[in-house]
PDB file of N, CA and C in Angstrom:
ATOM      1  N   MET A   1       0.571 -17.917  -1.699  1.00  0.00           N
ATOM      2  CA  MET A   1       1.340 -16.689  -1.631  1.00  0.00           C
ATOM      3  C   MET A   1       0.945 -15.969  -0.343  1.00  0.00           C
ATOM      4  N   THR A   2       1.945 -15.498   0.387  1.00  0.00           N
ATOM      5  CA  THR A   2       1.660 -14.753   1.613  1.00  0.00           C
ATOM      6  C   THR A   2       1.313 -13.303   1.283  1.00  0.00           C
ATOM      7  N   VAL A   3       0.741 -12.612   2.254  1.00  0.00           N
ATOM      8  CA  VAL A   3       0.410 -11.195   2.091  1.00  0.00           C
ATOM      9  C   VAL A   3       1.677 -10.396   1.797  1.00  0.00           C
ATOM     10  N   LYS A   4       2.770 -10.675   2.522  1.00  0.00           N
ATOM     11  CA  LYS A   4       4.036  -9.965   2.284  1.00  0.00           C
ATOM     12  C   LYS A   4       4.538 -10.179   0.855  1.00  0.00           C
ATOM     13  N   ASP A   5       4.438 -11.402   0.369  1.00  0.00           N
ATOM     14  CA  ASP A   5       4.867 -11.695  -1.002  1.00  0.00           C
ATOM     15  C   ASP A   5       4.020 -10.926  -2.005  1.00  0.00           C
ATOM     16  N   TYR A   6       2.716 -10.890  -1.772  1.00  0.00           N
ATOM     17  CA  TYR A   6       1.802 -10.174  -2.662  1.00  0.00           C
ATOM     18  C   TYR A   6       2.152  -8.685  -2.712  1.00  0.00           C
ATOM     19  N   ILE A   7       2.330  -8.075  -1.549  1.00  0.00           N
ATOM     20  CA  ILE A   7       2.661  -6.646  -1.478  1.00  0.00           C
ATOM     21  C   ILE A   7       3.992  -6.377  -2.178  1.00  0.00           C
ATOM     22  N   THR A   8       4.973  -7.206  -1.900  1.00  0.00           N
ATOM     23  CA  THR A   8       6.298  -7.050  -2.516  1.00  0.00           C
ATOM     24  C   THR A   8       6.200  -7.118  -4.031  1.00  0.00           C
ATOM     25  N   GLN A   9       5.470  -8.089  -4.558  1.00  0.00           N
ATOM     26  CA  GLN A   9       5.353  -8.247  -6.001  1.00  0.00           C
ATOM     27  C   GLN A   9       4.553  -7.121  -6.643  1.00  0.00           C
ATOM     28  N   LYS A  10       3.539  -6.606  -5.946  1.00  0.00           N
ATOM     29  CA  LYS A  10       2.777  -5.483  -6.493  1.00  0.00           C
ATOM     30  C   LYS A  10       3.678  -4.269  -6.698  1.00  0.00           C
ATOM     31  N   PHE A  11       4.557  -3.991  -5.749  1.00  0.00           N
ATOM     32  CA  PHE A  11       5.457  -2.846  -5.877  1.00  0.00           C
ATOM     33  C   PHE A  11       6.603  -3.120  -6.839  1.00  0.00           C
ATOM     34  N   GLN A  12       7.033  -4.362  -6.960  1.00  0.00           N
ATOM     35  CA  GLN A  12       8.119  -4.695  -7.885  1.00  0.00           C
ATOM     36  C   GLN A  12       7.748  -4.384  -9.322  1.00  0.00           C
ATOM     37  N   THR A  13       6.469  -4.438  -9.668  1.00  0.00           N
ATOM     38  CA  THR A  13       6.066  -4.133 -11.037  1.00  0.00           C
ATOM     39  C   THR A  13       6.358  -2.678 -11.393  1.00  0.00           C
ATOM     40  N   PHE A  14       6.528  -1.839 -10.380  1.00  0.00           N
ATOM     41  CA  PHE A  14       6.871  -0.431 -10.601  1.00  0.00           C
ATOM     42  C   PHE A  14       8.357  -0.170 -10.344  1.00  0.00           C
ATOM     43  N   GLY A  15       9.120  -1.215 -10.072  1.00  0.00           N
ATOM     44  CA  GLY A  15      10.547  -1.075  -9.822  1.00  0.00           C
ATOM     45  C   GLY A  15      10.869  -0.647  -8.406  1.00  0.00           C
ATOM     46  N   ILE A  16       9.937  -0.828  -7.483  1.00  0.00           N
ATOM     47  CA  ILE A  16      10.115  -0.376  -6.100  1.00  0.00           C
ATOM     48  C   ILE A  16      10.434  -1.566  -5.205  1.00  0.00           C
ATOM     49  N   GLN A  17      11.527  -1.442  -4.460  1.00  0.00           N
ATOM     50  CA  GLN A  17      11.908  -2.447  -3.477  1.00  0.00           C
ATOM     51  C   GLN A  17      11.490  -1.935  -2.096  1.00  0.00           C
ATOM     52  N   LEU A  18      10.705  -2.707  -1.387  1.00  0.00           N
ATOM     53  CA  LEU A  18      10.245  -2.308  -0.061  1.00  0.00           C
ATOM     54  C   LEU A  18      11.127  -2.922   1.014  1.00  0.00           C
ATOM     55  N   SER A  19      11.333  -2.165   2.079  1.00  0.00           N
ATOM     56  CA  SER A  19      12.064  -2.695   3.228  1.00  0.00           C
ATOM     57  C   SER A  19      11.108  -3.507   4.091  1.00  0.00           C
ATOM     58  N   GLU A  20      11.658  -4.222   5.053  1.00  0.00           N
ATOM     59  CA  GLU A  20      10.816  -4.967   5.995  1.00  0.00           C
ATOM     60  C   GLU A  20       9.921  -4.009   6.775  1.00  0.00           C
ATOM     61  N   ALA A  21      10.437  -2.822   7.095  1.00  0.00           N
ATOM     62  CA  ALA A  21       9.630  -1.817   7.811  1.00  0.00           C
ATOM     63  C   ALA A  21       8.469  -1.336   6.944  1.00  0.00           C
ATOM     64  N   ASP A  22       8.713  -1.156   5.646  1.00  0.00           N
ATOM     65  CA  ASP A  22       7.639  -0.765   4.729  1.00  0.00           C
ATOM     66  C   ASP A  22       6.549  -1.832   4.695  1.00  0.00           C
ATOM     67  N   LEU A  23       6.964  -3.089   4.571  1.00  0.00           N
ATOM     68  CA  LEU A  23       6.009  -4.192   4.546  1.00  0.00           C
ATOM     69  C   LEU A  23       5.207  -4.258   5.840  1.00  0.00           C
ATOM     70  N   LEU A  24       5.884  -4.028   6.953  1.00  0.00           N
ATOM     71  CA  LEU A  24       5.204  -4.041   8.245  1.00  0.00           C
ATOM     72  C   LEU A  24       4.174  -2.920   8.324  1.00  0.00           C
ATOM     73  N   ASP A  25       4.533  -1.730   7.834  1.00  0.00           N
ATOM     74  CA  ASP A  25       3.574  -0.615   7.824  1.00  0.00           C
ATOM     75  C   ASP A  25       2.316  -0.968   7.047  1.00  0.00           C
ATOM     76  N   VAL A  26       2.489  -1.527   5.855  1.00  0.00           N
ATOM     77  CA  VAL A  26       1.334  -1.877   5.031  1.00  0.00           C
ATOM     78  C   VAL A  26       0.502  -2.960   5.726  1.00  0.00           C
ATOM     79  N   CYS A  27       1.167  -3.950   6.289  1.00  0.00           N
ATOM     80  CA  CYS A  27       0.444  -5.025   6.977  1.00  0.00           C
ATOM     81  C   CYS A  27      -0.298  -4.507   8.203  1.00  0.00           C
ATOM     82  N   LEU A  28       0.330  -3.639   8.974  1.00  0.00           N
ATOM     83  CA  LEU A  28      -0.338  -3.082  10.150  1.00  0.00           C
ATOM     84  C   LEU A  28      -1.553  -2.252   9.751  1.00  0.00           C
ATOM     85  N   ASN A  29      -1.426  -1.486   8.666  1.00  0.00           N
ATOM     86  CA  ASN A  29      -2.552  -0.681   8.184  1.00  0.00           C
ATOM     87  C   ASN A  29      -3.708  -1.545   7.690  1.00  0.00           C
ATOM     88  N   SER A  30      -3.393  -2.724   7.176  1.00  0.00           N
ATOM     89  CA  SER A  30      -4.453  -3.614   6.696  1.00  0.00           C
ATOM     90  C   SER A  30      -4.975  -4.515   7.813  1.00  0.00           C
ATOM     91  N   LYS A  31      -4.287  -4.475   8.972  1.00  0.00           N
ATOM     92  CA  LYS A  31      -4.646  -5.319  10.123  1.00  0.00           C
ATOM     93  C   LYS A  31      -4.614  -6.802   9.757  1.00  0.00           C
ATOM     94  N   ILE A  32      -3.602  -7.144   8.948  1.00  0.00           N
ATOM     95  CA  ILE A  32      -3.403  -8.530   8.516  1.00  0.00           C
ATOM     96  C   ILE A  32      -1.928  -8.862   8.687  1.00  0.00           C
ATOM     97  N   SER A  33      -1.639 -10.050   9.144  1.00  0.00           N
ATOM     98  CA  SER A  33      -0.257 -10.490   9.271  1.00  0.00           C
ATOM     99  C   SER A  33       0.340 -10.711   7.882  1.00  0.00           C
ATOM    100  N   GLY A  34       1.588 -10.325   7.726  1.00  0.00           N
ATOM    101  CA  GLY A  34       2.269 -10.542   6.458  1.00  0.00           C
ATOM    102  C   GLY A  34       2.460 -12.007   6.144  1.00  0.00           C
ATOM    103  N   GLU A  35       2.377 -12.847   7.162  1.00  0.00           N
ATOM    104  CA  GLU A  35       2.551 -14.284   6.969  1.00  0.00           C
ATOM    105  C   GLU A  35       1.243 -14.980   6.601  1.00  0.00           C
ATOM    106  N   ASP A  36       0.114 -14.259   6.702  1.00  0.00           N
ATOM    107  CA  ASP A  36      -1.174 -14.844   6.317  1.00  0.00           C
ATOM    108  C   ASP A  36      -1.191 -15.138   4.825  1.00  0.00           C
ATOM    109  N   GLU A  37      -2.031 -16.065   4.450  1.00  0.00           N
ATOM    110  CA  GLU A  37      -2.202 -16.404   3.040  1.00  0.00           C
ATOM    111  C   GLU A  37      -3.047 -15.327   2.365  1.00  0.00           C
ATOM    112  N   MET A  38      -2.587 -14.843   1.215  1.00  0.00           N
ATOM    113  CA  MET A  38      -3.347 -13.855   0.452  1.00  0.00           C
ATOM    114  C   MET A  38      -4.535 -14.551  -0.174  1.00  0.00           C
ATOM    115  N   ASN A  39      -5.735 -13.993   0.045  1.00  0.00           N
ATOM    116  CA  ASN A  39      -6.939 -14.596  -0.511  1.00  0.00           C
ATOM    117  C   ASN A  39      -7.983 -13.517  -0.766  1.00  0.00           C
ATOM    118  N   GLN A  40      -9.111 -13.931  -1.286  1.00  0.00           N
ATOM    119  CA  GLN A  40     -10.178 -12.999  -1.642  1.00  0.00           C
ATOM    120  C   GLN A  40     -10.684 -12.216  -0.436  1.00  0.00           C
ATOM    121  N   ASP A  41     -10.714 -12.847   0.730  1.00  0.00           N
ATOM    122  CA  ASP A  41     -11.244 -12.199   1.933  1.00  0.00           C
ATOM    123  C   ASP A  41     -10.424 -10.992   2.375  1.00  0.00           C
ATOM    124  N   CYS A  42      -9.113 -11.030   2.174  1.00  0.00           N
ATOM    125  CA  CYS A  42      -8.264  -9.929   2.636  1.00  0.00           C
ATOM    126  C   CYS A  42      -7.805  -9.010   1.504  1.00  0.00           C
ATOM    127  N   HIS A  43      -8.145  -9.328   0.270  1.00  0.00           N
ATOM    128  CA  HIS A  43      -7.663  -8.570  -0.876  1.00  0.00           C
ATOM    129  C   HIS A  43      -7.991  -7.084  -0.785  1.00  0.00           C
ATOM    130  N   SER A  44      -9.216  -6.739  -0.470  1.00  0.00           N
ATOM    131  CA  SER A  44      -9.617  -5.330  -0.401  1.00  0.00           C
ATOM    132  C   SER A  44      -8.843  -4.584   0.672  1.00  0.00           C
ATOM    133  N   ARG A  45      -8.714  -5.193   1.852  1.00  0.00           N
ATOM    134  CA  ARG A  45      -7.983  -4.516   2.943  1.00  0.00           C
ATOM    135  C   ARG A  45      -6.525  -4.295   2.589  1.00  0.00           C
ATOM    136  N   VAL A  46      -5.910  -5.279   1.953  1.00  0.00           N
ATOM    137  CA  VAL A  46      -4.504  -5.151   1.571  1.00  0.00           C
ATOM    138  C   VAL A  46      -4.350  -4.085   0.484  1.00  0.00           C
ATOM    139  N   THR A  47      -5.233  -4.072  -0.494  1.00  0.00           N
ATOM    140  CA  THR A  47      -5.148  -3.088  -1.575  1.00  0.00           C
ATOM    141  C   THR A  47      -5.344  -1.666  -1.046  1.00  0.00           C
ATOM    142  N   VAL A  48      -6.275  -1.477  -0.135  1.00  0.00           N
ATOM    143  CA  VAL A  48      -6.484  -0.160   0.472  1.00  0.00           C
ATOM    144  C   VAL A  48      -5.246   0.250   1.276  1.00  0.00           C
ATOM    145  N   ALA A  49      -4.662  -0.673   2.009  1.00  0.00           N
ATOM    146  CA  ALA A  49      -3.447  -0.364   2.782  1.00  0.00           C
ATOM    147  C   ALA A  49      -2.294   0.009   1.853  1.00  0.00           C
ATOM    148  N   ILE A  50      -2.177  -0.678   0.717  1.00  0.00           N
ATOM    149  CA  ILE A  50      -1.149  -0.335  -0.273  1.00  0.00           C
ATOM    150  C   ILE A  50      -1.382   1.081  -0.776  1.00  0.00           C
ATOM    151  N   ALA A  51      -2.624   1.401  -1.123  1.00  0.00           N
ATOM    152  CA  ALA A  51      -2.941   2.744  -1.634  1.00  0.00           C
ATOM    153  C   ALA A  51      -2.618   3.812  -0.594  1.00  0.00           C
ATOM    154  N   LYS A  52      -2.926   3.544   0.660  1.00  0.00           N
ATOM    155  CA  LYS A  52      -2.655   4.526   1.709  1.00  0.00           C
ATOM    156  C   LYS A  52      -1.155   4.695   1.958  1.00  0.00           C
ATOM    157  N   PHE A  53      -0.359   3.693   1.598  1.00  0.00           N
ATOM    158  CA  PHE A  53       1.092   3.751   1.787  1.00  0.00           C
ATOM    159  C   PHE A  53       1.791   4.524   0.664  1.00  0.00           C
ATOM    160  N   ILE A  54       1.205   4.562  -0.516  1.00  0.00           N
ATOM    161  CA  ILE A  54       1.858   5.143  -1.692  1.00  0.00           C
ATOM    162  C   ILE A  54       2.295   6.596  -1.506  1.00  0.00           C
ATOM    163  N   PRO A  55       1.496   7.489  -0.911  1.00  0.00           N
ATOM    164  CA  PRO A  55       1.986   8.867  -0.771  1.00  0.00           C
ATOM    165  C   PRO A  55       3.324   8.972  -0.038  1.00  0.00           C
ATOM    166  N   SER A  56       3.579   8.089   0.915  1.00  0.00           N
ATOM    167  CA  SER A  56       4.866   8.133   1.617  1.00  0.00           C
ATOM    168  C   SER A  56       6.016   7.740   0.701  1.00  0.00           C
ATOM    169  N   LEU A  57       5.743   6.930  -0.312  1.00  0.00           N
ATOM    170  CA  LEU A  57       6.785   6.559  -1.280  1.00  0.00           C
ATOM    171  C   LEU A  57       7.247   7.754  -2.100  1.00  0.00           C
ATOM    172  N   LEU A  58       6.331   8.661  -2.354  1.00  0.00           N
ATOM    173  CA  LEU A  58       6.657   9.794  -3.220  1.00  0.00           C
ATOM    174  C   LEU A  58       7.564  10.814  -2.530  1.00  0.00           C
ATOM    175  N   LEU A  59       7.817  10.631  -1.253  1.00  0.00           N
ATOM    176  CA  LEU A  59       8.750  11.485  -0.532  1.00  0.00           C
ATOM    177  C   LEU A  59      10.188  11.004  -0.702  1.00  0.00           C
ATOM    178  N   ARG A  60      10.354   9.842  -1.294  1.00  0.00           N
ATOM    179  CA  ARG A  60      11.679   9.232  -1.454  1.00  0.00           C
ATOM    180  C   ARG A  60      12.277   9.574  -2.818  1.00  0.00           C
ATOM    181  N   ALA A  61      13.551   9.312  -2.934  1.00  0.00           N
ATOM    182  CA  ALA A  61      14.233   9.492  -4.220  1.00  0.00           C
ATOM    183  C   ALA A  61      13.649   8.508  -5.233  1.00  0.00           C
ATOM    184  N   THR A  62      13.545   8.959  -6.476  1.00  0.00           N
ATOM    185  CA  THR A  62      12.999   8.080  -7.519  1.00  0.00           C
ATOM    186  C   THR A  62      14.088   7.338  -8.281  1.00  0.00           C
ATOM    187  N   SER A  63      15.335   7.715  -8.049  1.00  0.00           N
ATOM    188  CA  SER A  63      16.434   6.966  -8.645  1.00  0.00           C
ATOM    189  C   SER A  63      17.636   7.040  -7.712  1.00  0.00           C
ATOM    190  N   ILE A  64      18.412   5.963  -7.727  1.00  0.00           N
ATOM    191  CA  ILE A  64      19.581   5.856  -6.863  1.00  0.00           C
ATOM    192  C   ILE A  64      20.719   5.322  -7.712  1.00  0.00           C
ATOM    193  N   GLY A  65      21.892   5.921  -7.599  1.00  0.00           N
ATOM    194  CA  GLY A  65      23.057   5.438  -8.319  1.00  0.00           C
ATOM    195  C   GLY A  65      24.258   5.372  -7.389  1.00  0.00           C
ATOM    196  N   GLU A  66      24.997   4.271  -7.479  1.00  0.00           N
ATOM    197  CA  GLU A  66      26.171   4.105  -6.639  1.00  0.00           C
ATOM    198  C   GLU A  66      27.118   3.107  -7.282  1.00  0.00           C
ATOM    199  N   SER A  67      28.375   3.475  -7.440  1.00  0.00           N
ATOM    200  CA  SER A  67      29.422   2.590  -7.965  1.00  0.00           C
ATOM    201  C   SER A  67      29.016   1.890  -9.261  1.00  0.00           C
ATOM    202  N   GLY A  68      28.455   2.629 -10.177  1.00  0.00           N
ATOM    203  CA  GLY A  68      28.082   2.059 -11.470  1.00  0.00           C
ATOM    204  C   GLY A  68      26.744   1.340 -11.475  1.00  0.00           C
ATOM    205  N   PHE A  69      26.106   1.217 -10.331  1.00  0.00           N
ATOM    206  CA  PHE A  69      24.797   0.576 -10.235  1.00  0.00           C
ATOM    207  C   PHE A  69      23.742   1.659 -10.073  1.00  0.00           C
ATOM    208  N   SER A  70      22.693   1.577 -10.837  1.00  0.00           N
ATOM    209  CA  SER A  70      21.615   2.546 -10.676  1.00  0.00           C
ATOM    210  C   SER A  70      20.276   1.822 -10.654  1.00  0.00           C
ATOM    211  N   MET A  71      19.330   2.448  -9.976  1.00  0.00           N
ATOM    212  CA  MET A  71      18.001   1.884  -9.847  1.00  0.00           C
ATOM    213  C   MET A  71      17.009   3.038  -9.870  1.00  0.00           C
ATOM    214  N   SER A  72      15.921   2.882 -10.596  1.00  0.00           N
ATOM    215  CA  SER A  72      14.886   3.912 -10.609  1.00  0.00           C
ATOM    216  C   SER A  72      13.530   3.223 -10.649  1.00  0.00           C
ATOM    217  N   TRP A  73      12.494   3.993 -10.382  1.00  0.00           N
ATOM    218  CA  TRP A  73      11.161   3.411 -10.418  1.00  0.00           C
ATOM    219  C   TRP A  73      10.192   4.320 -11.128  1.00  0.00           C
ATOM    220  N   ASN A  74       9.087   3.744 -11.533  1.00  0.00           N
ATOM    221  CA  ASN A  74       8.102   4.398 -12.372  1.00  0.00           C
ATOM    222  C   ASN A  74       7.140   5.225 -11.521  1.00  0.00           C
ATOM    223  N   ILE A  75       7.468   6.500 -11.323  1.00  0.00           N
ATOM    224  CA  ILE A  75       6.656   7.358 -10.465  1.00  0.00           C
ATOM    225  C   ILE A  75       5.279   7.622 -11.063  1.00  0.00           C
ATOM    226  N   GLU A  76       5.193   7.806 -12.361  1.00  0.00           N
ATOM    227  CA  GLU A  76       3.891   8.047 -12.994  1.00  0.00           C
ATOM    228  C   GLU A  76       3.012   6.806 -12.910  1.00  0.00           C
ATOM    229  N   GLY A  77       3.604   5.653 -13.082  1.00  0.00           N
ATOM    230  CA  GLY A  77       2.840   4.414 -12.987  1.00  0.00           C
ATOM    231  C   GLY A  77       2.269   4.205 -11.590  1.00  0.00           C
ATOM    232  N   ILE A  78       3.068   4.485 -10.578  1.00  0.00           N
ATOM    233  CA  ILE A  78       2.587   4.300  -9.205  1.00  0.00           C
ATOM    234  C   ILE A  78       1.506   5.333  -8.878  1.00  0.00           C
ATOM    235  N   LYS A  79       1.619   6.547  -9.417  1.00  0.00           N
ATOM    236  CA  LYS A  79       0.565   7.556  -9.219  1.00  0.00           C
ATOM    237  C   LYS A  79      -0.732   7.122  -9.882  1.00  0.00           C
ATOM    238  N   GLN A  80      -0.644   6.539 -11.066  1.00  0.00           N
ATOM    239  CA  GLN A  80      -1.837   6.065 -11.762  1.00  0.00           C
ATOM    240  C   GLN A  80      -2.475   4.899 -11.015  1.00  0.00           C
ATOM    241  N   TYR A  81      -1.641   4.004 -10.493  1.00  0.00           N
ATOM    242  CA  TYR A  81      -2.170   2.886  -9.709  1.00  0.00           C
ATOM    243  C   TYR A  81      -2.872   3.412  -8.464  1.00  0.00           C
ATOM    244  N   TYR A  82      -2.261   4.395  -7.809  1.00  0.00           N
ATOM    245  CA  TYR A  82      -2.843   5.006  -6.615  1.00  0.00           C
ATOM    246  C   TYR A  82      -4.206   5.621  -6.940  1.00  0.00           C
ATOM    247  N   SER A  83      -4.276   6.379  -8.018  1.00  0.00           N
ATOM    248  CA  SER A  83      -5.523   7.012  -8.420  1.00  0.00           C
ATOM    249  C   SER A  83      -6.596   5.964  -8.716  1.00  0.00           C
ATOM    250  N   PHE A  84      -6.214   4.902  -9.395  1.00  0.00           N
ATOM    251  CA  PHE A  84      -7.130   3.802  -9.688  1.00  0.00           C
ATOM    252  C   PHE A  84      -7.658   3.175  -8.402  1.00  0.00           C
ATOM    253  N   ALA A  85      -6.752   2.881  -7.464  1.00  0.00           N
ATOM    254  CA  ALA A  85      -7.161   2.257  -6.203  1.00  0.00           C
ATOM    255  C   ALA A  85      -8.073   3.185  -5.402  1.00  0.00           C
ATOM    256  N   CYS A  86      -7.785   4.480  -5.412  1.00  0.00           N
ATOM    257  CA  CYS A  86      -8.637   5.439  -4.699  1.00  0.00           C
ATOM    258  C   CYS A  86     -10.048   5.438  -5.272  1.00  0.00           C
ATOM    259  N   LYS A  87     -10.159   5.443  -6.590  1.00  0.00           N
ATOM    260  CA  LYS A  87     -11.481   5.417  -7.224  1.00  0.00           C
ATOM    261  C   LYS A  87     -12.204   4.118  -6.922  1.00  0.00           C
ATOM    262  N   GLN A  88     -11.484   3.013  -7.009  1.00  0.00           N
ATOM    263  CA  GLN A  88     -12.081   1.704  -6.813  1.00  0.00           C
ATOM    264  C   GLN A  88     -12.608   1.510  -5.398  1.00  0.00           C
ATOM    265  N   TYR A  89     -11.904   2.063  -4.399  1.00  0.00           N
ATOM    266  CA  TYR A  89     -12.268   1.835  -3.001  1.00  0.00           C
ATOM    267  C   TYR A  89     -12.846   3.062  -2.311  1.00  0.00           C
ATOM    268  N   GLY A  90     -13.153   4.099  -3.076  1.00  0.00           N
ATOM    269  CA  GLY A  90     -13.789   5.283  -2.509  1.00  0.00           C
ATOM    270  C   GLY A  90     -12.906   6.075  -1.564  1.00  0.00           C
ATOM    271  N   LEU A  91     -11.587   6.059  -1.815  1.00  0.00           N
ATOM    272  CA  LEU A  91     -10.642   6.800  -0.983  1.00  0.00           C
ATOM    273  C   LEU A  91     -10.425   8.193  -1.542  1.00  0.00           C
ATOM    274  N   LYS A  92     -10.066   9.123  -0.698  1.00  0.00           N
ATOM    275  CA  LYS A  92      -9.747  10.464  -1.152  1.00  0.00           C
ATOM    276  C   LYS A  92      -8.377  10.435  -1.832  1.00  0.00           C
ATOM    277  N   ASP A  93      -8.308  10.893  -3.051  1.00  0.00           N
ATOM    278  CA  ASP A  93      -7.061  10.926  -3.823  1.00  0.00           C
ATOM    279  C   ASP A  93      -6.280  12.168  -3.408  1.00  0.00           C
ATOM    280  N   GLU A  94      -5.278  11.972  -2.577  1.00  0.00           N
ATOM    281  CA  GLU A  94      -4.482  13.076  -2.042  1.00  0.00           C
ATOM    282  C   GLU A  94      -3.422  13.571  -3.021  1.00  0.00           C
ATOM    283  N   LEU A  95      -3.133  12.810  -4.048  1.00  0.00           N
ATOM    284  CA  LEU A  95      -2.041  13.155  -4.959  1.00  0.00           C
ATOM    285  C   LEU A  95      -2.496  13.847  -6.231  1.00  0.00           C
ATOM    286  N   ASN A  96      -3.678  13.534  -6.680  1.00  0.00           N
ATOM    287  CA  ASN A  96      -4.164  14.056  -7.953  1.00  0.00           C
ATOM    288  C   ASN A  96      -5.350  14.977  -7.714  1.00  0.00           C
ATOM    289  N   VAL A  97      -5.073  16.070  -7.054  1.00  0.00           N
ATOM    290  CA  VAL A  97      -6.135  17.023  -6.723  1.00  0.00           C
ATOM    291  C   VAL A  97      -6.502  17.793  -7.982  1.00  0.00           C
ATOM    292  N   LYS A  98      -7.776  17.746  -8.311  1.00  0.00           N
ATOM    293  CA  LYS A  98      -8.255  18.454  -9.497  1.00  0.00           C
ATOM    294  C   LYS A  98      -8.898  19.760  -9.054  1.00  0.00           C
ATOM    295  N   PRO A  99      -8.618  20.838  -9.777  1.00  0.00           N
ATOM    296  CA  PRO A  99      -9.207  22.124  -9.391  1.00  0.00           C
ATOM    297  C   PRO A  99     -10.728  22.088  -9.539  1.00  0.00           C
ATOM    298  N   LYS A 100     -11.392  22.800  -8.639  1.00  0.00           N
ATOM    299  CA  LYS A 100     -12.846  22.891  -8.693  1.00  0.00           C
ATOM    300  C   LYS A 100     -13.245  24.294  -9.101  1.00  0.00           C
ATOM    301  N   VAL A 101     -14.269  24.370  -9.900  1.00  0.00           N
ATOM    302  CA  VAL A 101     -14.804  25.650 -10.338  1.00  0.00           C
ATOM    303  C   VAL A 101     -15.990  25.987  -9.443  1.00  0.00           C
ATOM    304  N   THR A 102     -15.950  27.164  -8.860  1.00  0.00           N
ATOM    305  CA  THR A 102     -17.063  27.602  -8.038  1.00  0.00           C
ATOM    306  C   THR A 102     -17.592  28.920  -8.593  1.00  0.00           C
ATOM    307  N   PHE A 103     -18.867  29.100  -8.481  1.00  0.00           N
ATOM    308  CA  PHE A 103     -19.494  30.324  -8.964  1.00  0.00           C
ATOM    309  C   PHE A 103     -19.798  31.231  -7.779  1.00  0.00           C
ATOM    310  N   LEU A 104     -19.507  32.478  -7.937  1.00  0.00           N
ATOM    311  CA  LEU A 104     -19.751  33.430  -6.854  1.00  0.00           C
ATOM    312  C   LEU A 104     -21.116  34.044  -6.940  1.00  0.00           C
TER     313      LEU A 104
END
């Protein structure tokens, strides 16, 4: 399986179709060619690049309808995946900011 195939399938589980430009962005962020073989050595870099790409997805429409055809994706699921990936790889979770209590 190529890196591009892996990225595409990871997003398909949430109902998200990525464009070639989206795939290129994720691949460039991971510094791995989309044509490379997906393996254990590049898994972490690809997963981190996917997590860093997710906030840009949330700026898009979550459902599209045209001529009787409609498509939507699981926004809560992708947010949960993002939060999981951030925790797993020590990334700052930009989407799920939790309030902090400070004492004066």
